[in-house]
Amino acid sequence: MQTVSNIDGFLLAIRKRIDEKFKNSKFELSENELIGNLKQELRSDTIGCEECCPLCRRQCEVNHNSGVNKIHECKLGHQL
């Protein structure tokens, strides 16, 4: 097990290397893009799926974030 004797210097060095890696990469998001992505994620988590159940036309209650189930349906039963 290794220990770090100067934690401040260690963290600054890591931060500097991370900044250099991202500066040289093509992966850059503007602040507006980042905020927009966070807003969309929050909206999806709050509102849920915007599609409707094909049987009863009620708002879909399936969490599609897992990426496994893409079928729109009612979890608690259909309203006919």
Protein backbone atom coordinates (compact mmCIF):
# COMPACT_ATOMS: atom_id res chain seq x y z
CA MET A 1 0.00 0.00 0.00
CA GLN A 2 1.36 3.40 -0.97
CA THR A 3 0.69 6.64 0.84
CA VAL A 4 0.67 10.22 -0.38
CA SER A 5 2.74 12.54 1.74
CA ASN A 6 1.55 15.80 0.12
CA ILE A 7 -2.17 15.45 -0.65
CA ASP A 8 -2.54 19.04 -1.92
CA GLY A 9 0.27 18.65 -4.43
CA PHE A 10 -1.04 15.26 -5.48
CA LEU A 11 -4.55 16.57 -6.13
CA LEU A 12 -3.26 19.60 -8.02
CA ALA A 13 -1.11 17.37 -10.22
CA ILE A 14 -4.07 15.11 -10.99
CA ARG A 15 -6.28 18.10 -11.77
CA LYS A 16 -3.62 19.49 -14.11
CA ARG A 17 -3.30 16.17 -15.98
CA ILE A 18 -7.07 15.84 -16.33
CA ASP A 19 -7.33 19.40 -17.65
CA GLU A 20 -4.56 18.70 -20.17
CA LYS A 21 -6.28 15.52 -21.37
CA PHE A 22 -9.60 17.26 -21.90
CA LYS A 23 -7.99 20.32 -23.49
CA ASN A 24 -6.38 18.14 -26.16
CA SER A 25 -9.45 15.99 -26.75
CA LYS A 26 -12.36 16.74 -29.04
CA PHE A 27 -14.81 16.02 -26.23
CA GLU A 28 -16.06 19.42 -25.20
CA LEU A 29 -19.48 20.52 -24.07
CA SER A 30 -20.44 24.10 -23.67
CA GLU A 31 -22.08 25.17 -20.46
CA ASN A 32 -25.41 25.57 -22.30
CA GLU A 33 -25.19 22.03 -23.72
CA LEU A 34 -24.40 20.63 -20.28
CA ILE A 35 -27.28 22.51 -18.66
CA GLY A 36 -29.60 21.45 -21.50
CA ASN A 37 -28.63 17.80 -21.03
CA LEU A 38 -29.22 18.03 -17.28
CA LYS A 39 -32.61 19.67 -17.83
CA GLN A 40 -33.62 16.91 -20.26
CA GLU A 41 -32.56 14.20 -17.79
CA LEU A 42 -34.47 15.91 -14.98
CA ARG A 43 -37.52 16.25 -17.21
CA SER A 44 -37.36 12.57 -18.15
CA ASP A 45 -36.99 11.54 -14.51
CA THR A 46 -39.86 13.79 -13.41
CA ILE A 47 -42.38 13.40 -16.24
CA GLY A 48 -41.40 9.95 -17.43
CA CYS A 49 -42.00 8.56 -20.88
CA GLU A 50 -43.97 10.93 -23.10
CA GLU A 51 -45.43 8.16 -25.26
CA CYS A 52 -48.81 6.54 -24.66
CA CYS A 53 -49.87 2.97 -24.05
CA PRO A 54 -50.99 1.55 -27.42
CA LEU A 55 -54.02 -0.14 -25.83
CA CYS A 56 -55.63 2.54 -23.66
CA ARG A 57 -53.74 5.70 -24.73
CA ARG A 58 -52.77 6.44 -21.12
CA GLN A 59 -49.28 7.89 -20.54
CA CYS A 60 -46.64 5.17 -20.57
CA GLU A 61 -45.44 4.23 -17.08
CA VAL A 62 -42.32 2.27 -18.07
CA ASN A 63 -38.86 3.54 -17.14
CA HIS A 64 -36.97 3.31 -20.42
CA ASN A 65 -33.65 4.48 -18.93
CA SER A 66 -32.52 0.88 -18.45
CA GLY A 67 -32.50 0.44 -22.23
CA VAL A 68 -33.94 -3.07 -22.02
CA ASN A 69 -37.71 -2.57 -22.39
CA LYS A 70 -38.81 -0.19 -25.14
CA ILE A 71 -42.48 -1.26 -25.07
CA HIS A 72 -44.90 1.45 -23.95
CA GLU A 73 -47.48 0.16 -21.47
CA CYS A 74 -49.32 0.74 -18.20
CA LYS A 75 -47.71 -0.85 -15.15
CA LEU A 76 -50.75 -0.55 -12.90
CA GLY A 77 -53.40 -1.65 -15.38
CA HIS A 78 -55.16 -0.17 -18.37
CA GLN A 79 -57.92 2.43 -18.15
CA LEU A 80 -60.51 1.40 -20.67
